[in-house]
Amino acid sequence: MKDIWLGAITMGSVTMSGEIFFTIPTENPQRIIFFVGEGIVMLIIYFSLTAIIDKIKKKNS
C-alpha cells in the first residue's frame, strides 16, 4: 500500500507543479477550473482504487 501512496503523491506533485507553472500564469479562468477539476478527479480515482485493493486484500486474508 505504501507503493501506491508514494506513486499517488509523485503523480499528484508532478501534475500540480506542471499545472501551476504552465497553466495558471495564462490568467484564463477556465484553466484554473480545469486544474481544480483535474485534482478532484485524481482524488476520486485514487480513493476508488484504494478501496478496491483493500477489498481484495480482505477477501484473500
PDB file of N, CA and C in Angstrom:
ATOM      1  N   MET A   1       0.814  -1.193   0.000  1.00  0.00           N
ATOM      2  CA  MET A   1       0.000   0.000   0.000  1.00  0.00           C
ATOM      3  C   MET A   1       0.862   1.262   0.000  1.00  0.00           C
ATOM      4  N   LYS A   2       2.059   1.173   0.605  1.00  0.00           N
ATOM      5  CA  LYS A   2       2.948   2.332   0.611  1.00  0.00           C
ATOM      6  C   LYS A   2       3.391   2.691  -0.803  1.00  0.00           C
ATOM      7  N   ASP A   3       3.562   1.672  -1.657  1.00  0.00           N
ATOM      8  CA  ASP A   3       3.983   1.942  -3.034  1.00  0.00           C
ATOM      9  C   ASP A   3       2.913   2.720  -3.788  1.00  0.00           C
ATOM     10  N   ILE A   4       1.665   2.357  -3.573  1.00  0.00           N
ATOM     11  CA  ILE A   4       0.571   3.069  -4.243  1.00  0.00           C
ATOM     12  C   ILE A   4       0.502   4.501  -3.735  1.00  0.00           C
ATOM     13  N   TRP A   5       0.643   4.688  -2.424  1.00  0.00           N
ATOM     14  CA  TRP A   5       0.590   6.024  -1.851  1.00  0.00           C
ATOM     15  C   TRP A   5       1.741   6.876  -2.376  1.00  0.00           C
ATOM     16  N   LEU A   6       2.941   6.297  -2.439  1.00  0.00           N
ATOM     17  CA  LEU A   6       4.095   7.029  -2.953  1.00  0.00           C
ATOM     18  C   LEU A   6       3.898   7.396  -4.421  1.00  0.00           C
ATOM     19  N   GLY A   7       3.358   6.468  -5.198  1.00  0.00           N
ATOM     20  CA  GLY A   7       3.074   6.751  -6.602  1.00  0.00           C
ATOM     21  C   GLY A   7       2.039   7.847  -6.760  1.00  0.00           C
ATOM     22  N   ALA A   8       1.017   7.823  -5.902  1.00  0.00           N
ATOM     23  CA  ALA A   8      -0.030   8.847  -5.974  1.00  0.00           C
ATOM     24  C   ALA A   8       0.524  10.227  -5.608  1.00  0.00           C
ATOM     25  N   ILE A   9       1.369  10.278  -4.605  1.00  0.00           N
ATOM     26  CA  ILE A   9       1.969  11.563  -4.218  1.00  0.00           C
ATOM     27  C   ILE A   9       2.865  12.085  -5.336  1.00  0.00           C
ATOM     28  N   THR A  10       3.645  11.204  -5.937  1.00  0.00           N
ATOM     29  CA  THR A  10       4.532  11.611  -7.029  1.00  0.00           C
ATOM     30  C   THR A  10       3.719  12.114  -8.216  1.00  0.00           C
ATOM     31  N   MET A  11       2.689  11.359  -8.595  1.00  0.00           N
ATOM     32  CA  MET A  11       1.856  11.756  -9.728  1.00  0.00           C
ATOM     33  C   MET A  11       1.166  13.089  -9.452  1.00  0.00           C
ATOM     34  N   GLY A  12       0.649  13.238  -8.251  1.00  0.00           N
ATOM     35  CA  GLY A  12      -0.034  14.483  -7.902  1.00  0.00           C
ATOM     36  C   GLY A  12       0.902  15.675  -7.893  1.00  0.00           C
ATOM     37  N   SER A  13       2.083  15.518  -7.329  1.00  0.00           N
ATOM     38  CA  SER A  13       3.011  16.653  -7.265  1.00  0.00           C
ATOM     39  C   SER A  13       3.521  17.045  -8.648  1.00  0.00           C
ATOM     40  N   VAL A  14       3.782  16.061  -9.501  1.00  0.00           N
ATOM     41  CA  VAL A  14       4.240  16.381 -10.851  1.00  0.00           C
ATOM     42  C   VAL A  14       3.133  17.094 -11.629  1.00  0.00           C
ATOM     43  N   THR A  15       1.913  16.589 -11.509  1.00  0.00           N
ATOM     44  CA  THR A  15       0.788  17.208 -12.227  1.00  0.00           C
ATOM     45  C   THR A  15       0.531  18.618 -11.717  1.00  0.00           C
ATOM     46  N   MET A  16       0.521  18.789 -10.395  1.00  0.00           N
ATOM     47  CA  MET A  16       0.239  20.113  -9.839  1.00  0.00           C
ATOM     48  C   MET A  16       1.328  21.111 -10.180  1.00  0.00           C
ATOM     49  N   SER A  17       2.592  20.694 -10.122  1.00  0.00           N
ATOM     50  CA  SER A  17       3.657  21.642 -10.449  1.00  0.00           C
ATOM     51  C   SER A  17       3.590  22.027 -11.916  1.00  0.00           C
ATOM     52  N   GLY A  18       3.284  21.084 -12.792  1.00  0.00           N
ATOM     53  CA  GLY A  18       3.133  21.413 -14.211  1.00  0.00           C
ATOM     54  C   GLY A  18       1.981  22.360 -14.451  1.00  0.00           C
ATOM     55  N   GLU A  19       0.863  22.119 -13.771  1.00  0.00           N
ATOM     56  CA  GLU A  19      -0.298  22.988 -13.939  1.00  0.00           C
ATOM     57  C   GLU A  19      -0.024  24.382 -13.394  1.00  0.00           C
ATOM     58  N   ILE A  20       0.642  24.463 -12.263  1.00  0.00           N
ATOM     59  CA  ILE A  20       0.904  25.771 -11.650  1.00  0.00           C
ATOM     60  C   ILE A  20       1.845  26.597 -12.517  1.00  0.00           C
ATOM     61  N   PHE A  21       2.909  25.981 -13.029  1.00  0.00           N
ATOM     62  CA  PHE A  21       3.901  26.760 -13.766  1.00  0.00           C
ATOM     63  C   PHE A  21       3.505  27.039 -15.213  1.00  0.00           C
ATOM     64  N   PHE A  22       2.666  26.200 -15.813  1.00  0.00           N
ATOM     65  CA  PHE A  22       2.356  26.389 -17.229  1.00  0.00           C
ATOM     66  C   PHE A  22       0.928  26.826 -17.503  1.00  0.00           C
ATOM     67  N   THR A  23       0.004  26.548 -16.603  1.00  0.00           N
ATOM     68  CA  THR A  23      -1.401  26.827 -16.896  1.00  0.00           C
ATOM     69  C   THR A  23      -1.894  28.087 -16.212  1.00  0.00           C
ATOM     70  N   ILE A  24      -1.672  28.219 -14.927  1.00  0.00           N
ATOM     71  CA  ILE A  24      -2.237  29.339 -14.173  1.00  0.00           C
ATOM     72  C   ILE A  24      -1.670  30.697 -14.626  1.00  0.00           C
ATOM     73  N   PRO A  25      -0.407  30.822 -15.031  1.00  0.00           N
ATOM     74  CA  PRO A  25       0.073  32.137 -15.471  1.00  0.00           C
ATOM     75  C   PRO A  25      -0.638  32.693 -16.714  1.00  0.00           C
ATOM     76  N   THR A  26      -1.409  31.870 -17.432  1.00  0.00           N
ATOM     77  CA  THR A  26      -2.107  32.386 -18.605  1.00  0.00           C
ATOM     78  C   THR A  26      -3.293  33.255 -18.225  1.00  0.00           C
ATOM     79  N   GLU A  27      -3.697  33.245 -16.946  1.00  0.00           N
ATOM     80  CA  GLU A  27      -4.794  34.054 -16.411  1.00  0.00           C
ATOM     81  C   GLU A  27      -6.117  33.764 -17.113  1.00  0.00           C
ATOM     82  N   ASN A  28      -6.304  32.541 -17.516  1.00  0.00           N
ATOM     83  CA  ASN A  28      -7.560  32.132 -18.119  1.00  0.00           C
ATOM     84  C   ASN A  28      -8.364  31.409 -17.036  1.00  0.00           C
ATOM     85  N   PRO A  29      -9.539  31.921 -16.654  1.00  0.00           N
ATOM     86  CA  PRO A  29     -10.305  31.300 -15.565  1.00  0.00           C
ATOM     87  C   PRO A  29     -10.698  29.851 -15.856  1.00  0.00           C
ATOM     88  N   GLN A  30     -10.900  29.523 -17.119  1.00  0.00           N
ATOM     89  CA  GLN A  30     -11.264  28.150 -17.448  1.00  0.00           C
ATOM     90  C   GLN A  30     -10.122  27.191 -17.122  1.00  0.00           C
ATOM     91  N   ARG A  31      -8.889  27.641 -17.252  1.00  0.00           N
ATOM     92  CA  ARG A  31      -7.731  26.800 -16.944  1.00  0.00           C
ATOM     93  C   ARG A  31      -7.681  26.492 -15.445  1.00  0.00           C
ATOM     94  N   ILE A  32      -8.005  27.478 -14.611  1.00  0.00           N
ATOM     95  CA  ILE A  32      -7.980  27.263 -13.164  1.00  0.00           C
ATOM     96  C   ILE A  32      -9.075  26.278 -12.768  1.00  0.00           C
ATOM     97  N   ILE A  33     -10.258  26.402 -13.370  1.00  0.00           N
ATOM     98  CA  ILE A  33     -11.342  25.455 -13.100  1.00  0.00           C
ATOM     99  C   ILE A  33     -10.923  24.059 -13.548  1.00  0.00           C
ATOM    100  N   PHE A  34     -10.257  23.952 -14.685  1.00  0.00           N
ATOM    101  CA  PHE A  34      -9.765  22.669 -15.167  1.00  0.00           C
ATOM    102  C   PHE A  34      -8.756  22.073 -14.189  1.00  0.00           C
ATOM    103  N   PHE A  35      -7.876  22.913 -13.649  1.00  0.00           N
ATOM    104  CA  PHE A  35      -6.869  22.456 -12.692  1.00  0.00           C
ATOM    105  C   PHE A  35      -7.529  21.879 -11.439  1.00  0.00           C
ATOM    106  N   VAL A  36      -8.528  22.580 -10.908  1.00  0.00           N
ATOM    107  CA  VAL A  36      -9.228  22.105  -9.710  1.00  0.00           C
ATOM    108  C   VAL A  36      -9.990  20.817 -10.021  1.00  0.00           C
ATOM    109  N   GLY A  37     -10.654  20.769 -11.163  1.00  0.00           N
ATOM    110  CA  GLY A  37     -11.387  19.570 -11.562  1.00  0.00           C
ATOM    111  C   GLY A  37     -10.479  18.377 -11.749  1.00  0.00           C
ATOM    112  N   GLU A  38      -9.319  18.618 -12.318  1.00  0.00           N
ATOM    113  CA  GLU A  38      -8.354  17.539 -12.521  1.00  0.00           C
ATOM    114  C   GLU A  38      -7.892  16.961 -11.182  1.00  0.00           C
ATOM    115  N   GLY A  39      -7.667  17.821 -10.212  1.00  0.00           N
ATOM    116  CA  GLY A  39      -7.277  17.353  -8.880  1.00  0.00           C
ATOM    117  C   GLY A  39      -8.370  16.528  -8.230  1.00  0.00           C
ATOM    118  N   ILE A  40      -9.615  16.953  -8.380  1.00  0.00           N
ATOM    119  CA  ILE A  40     -10.737  16.214  -7.800  1.00  0.00           C
ATOM    120  C   ILE A  40     -10.870  14.846  -8.453  1.00  0.00           C
ATOM    121  N   VAL A  41     -10.736  14.786  -9.770  1.00  0.00           N
ATOM    122  CA  VAL A  41     -10.833  13.505 -10.480  1.00  0.00           C
ATOM    123  C   VAL A  41      -9.703  12.575 -10.054  1.00  0.00           C
ATOM    124  N   MET A  42      -8.502  13.109  -9.897  1.00  0.00           N
ATOM    125  CA  MET A  42      -7.380  12.277  -9.453  1.00  0.00           C
ATOM    126  C   MET A  42      -7.643  11.706  -8.066  1.00  0.00           C
ATOM    127  N   LEU A  43      -8.210  12.495  -7.163  1.00  0.00           N
ATOM    128  CA  LEU A  43      -8.524  12.004  -5.829  1.00  0.00           C
ATOM    129  C   LEU A  43      -9.588  10.913  -5.870  1.00  0.00           C
ATOM    130  N   ILE A  44     -10.616  11.102  -6.683  1.00  0.00           N
ATOM    131  CA  ILE A  44     -11.677  10.098  -6.795  1.00  0.00           C
ATOM    132  C   ILE A  44     -11.113   8.787  -7.319  1.00  0.00           C
ATOM    133  N   ILE A  45     -10.288   8.857  -8.348  1.00  0.00           N
ATOM    134  CA  ILE A  45      -9.684   7.636  -8.902  1.00  0.00           C
ATOM    135  C   ILE A  45      -8.799   6.963  -7.862  1.00  0.00           C
ATOM    136  N   TYR A  46      -8.002   7.737  -7.145  1.00  0.00           N
ATOM    137  CA  TYR A  46      -7.112   7.160  -6.147  1.00  0.00           C
ATOM    138  C   TYR A  46      -7.899   6.457  -5.042  1.00  0.00           C
ATOM    139  N   PHE A  47      -8.925   7.134  -4.504  1.00  0.00           N
ATOM    140  CA  PHE A  47      -9.693   6.535  -3.412  1.00  0.00           C
ATOM    141  C   PHE A  47     -10.479   5.310  -3.863  1.00  0.00           C
ATOM    142  N   SER A  48     -10.991   5.329  -5.092  1.00  0.00           N
ATOM    143  CA  SER A  48     -11.721   4.150  -5.566  1.00  0.00           C
ATOM    144  C   SER A  48     -10.768   2.966  -5.777  1.00  0.00           C
ATOM    145  N   LEU A  49      -9.591   3.210  -6.332  1.00  0.00           N
ATOM    146  CA  LEU A  49      -8.625   2.120  -6.492  1.00  0.00           C
ATOM    147  C   LEU A  49      -8.155   1.588  -5.142  1.00  0.00           C
ATOM    148  N   THR A  50      -7.953   2.466  -4.189  1.00  0.00           N
ATOM    149  CA  THR A  50      -7.540   2.037  -2.857  1.00  0.00           C
ATOM    150  C   THR A  50      -8.624   1.179  -2.207  1.00  0.00           C
ATOM    151  N   ALA A  51      -9.879   1.568  -2.355  1.00  0.00           N
ATOM    152  CA  ALA A  51     -10.975   0.788  -1.779  1.00  0.00           C
ATOM    153  C   ALA A  51     -11.058  -0.593  -2.421  1.00  0.00           C
ATOM    154  N   ILE A  52     -10.880  -0.661  -3.730  1.00  0.00           N
ATOM    155  CA  ILE A  52     -10.924  -1.952  -4.430  1.00  0.00           C
ATOM    156  C   ILE A  52      -9.783  -2.845  -3.970  1.00  0.00           C
ATOM    157  N   ILE A  53      -8.584  -2.290  -3.856  1.00  0.00           N
ATOM    158  CA  ILE A  53      -7.424  -3.077  -3.434  1.00  0.00           C
ATOM    159  C   ILE A  53      -7.606  -3.560  -2.000  1.00  0.00           C
ATOM    160  N   ASP A  54      -8.121  -2.706  -1.118  1.00  0.00           N
ATOM    161  CA  ASP A  54      -8.366  -3.122   0.262  1.00  0.00           C
ATOM    162  C   ASP A  54      -9.393  -4.248   0.328  1.00  0.00           C
ATOM    163  N   LYS A  55     -10.422  -4.154  -0.489  1.00  0.00           N
ATOM    164  CA  LYS A  55     -11.451  -5.194  -0.519  1.00  0.00           C
ATOM    165  C   LYS A  55     -10.863  -6.524  -0.965  1.00  0.00           C
ATOM    166  N   ILE A  56     -10.006  -6.495  -1.976  1.00  0.00           N
ATOM    167  CA  ILE A  56      -9.363  -7.721  -2.461  1.00  0.00           C
ATOM    168  C   ILE A  56      -8.436  -8.291  -1.389  1.00  0.00           C
ATOM    169  N   LYS A  57      -7.689  -7.422  -0.692  1.00  0.00           N
ATOM    170  CA  LYS A  57      -6.792  -7.893   0.362  1.00  0.00           C
ATOM    171  C   LYS A  57      -7.565  -8.552   1.495  1.00  0.00           C
ATOM    172  N   LYS A  58      -8.703  -7.969   1.881  1.00  0.00           N
ATOM    173  CA  LYS A  58      -9.510  -8.551   2.958  1.00  0.00           C
ATOM    174  C   LYS A  58     -10.090  -9.894   2.536  1.00  0.00           C
ATOM    175  N   LYS A  59     -10.461 -10.007   1.278  1.00  0.00           N
ATOM    176  CA  LYS A  59     -11.042 -11.245   0.779  1.00  0.00           C
ATOM    177  C   LYS A  59     -10.001 -12.366   0.757  1.00  0.00           C
ATOM    178  N   ASN A  60      -8.751 -12.034   0.458  1.00  0.00           N
ATOM    179  CA  ASN A  60      -7.690 -13.035   0.372  1.00  0.00           C
ATOM    180  C   ASN A  60      -7.086 -13.381   1.730  1.00  0.00           C
ATOM    181  N   SER A  61      -7.360 -12.590   2.752  1.00  0.00           N
ATOM    182  CA  SER A  61      -6.774 -12.861   4.076  1.00  0.00           C
ATOM    183  C   SER A  61      -7.525 -13.941   4.816  1.00  0.00           C
TER     184      SER A  61
END
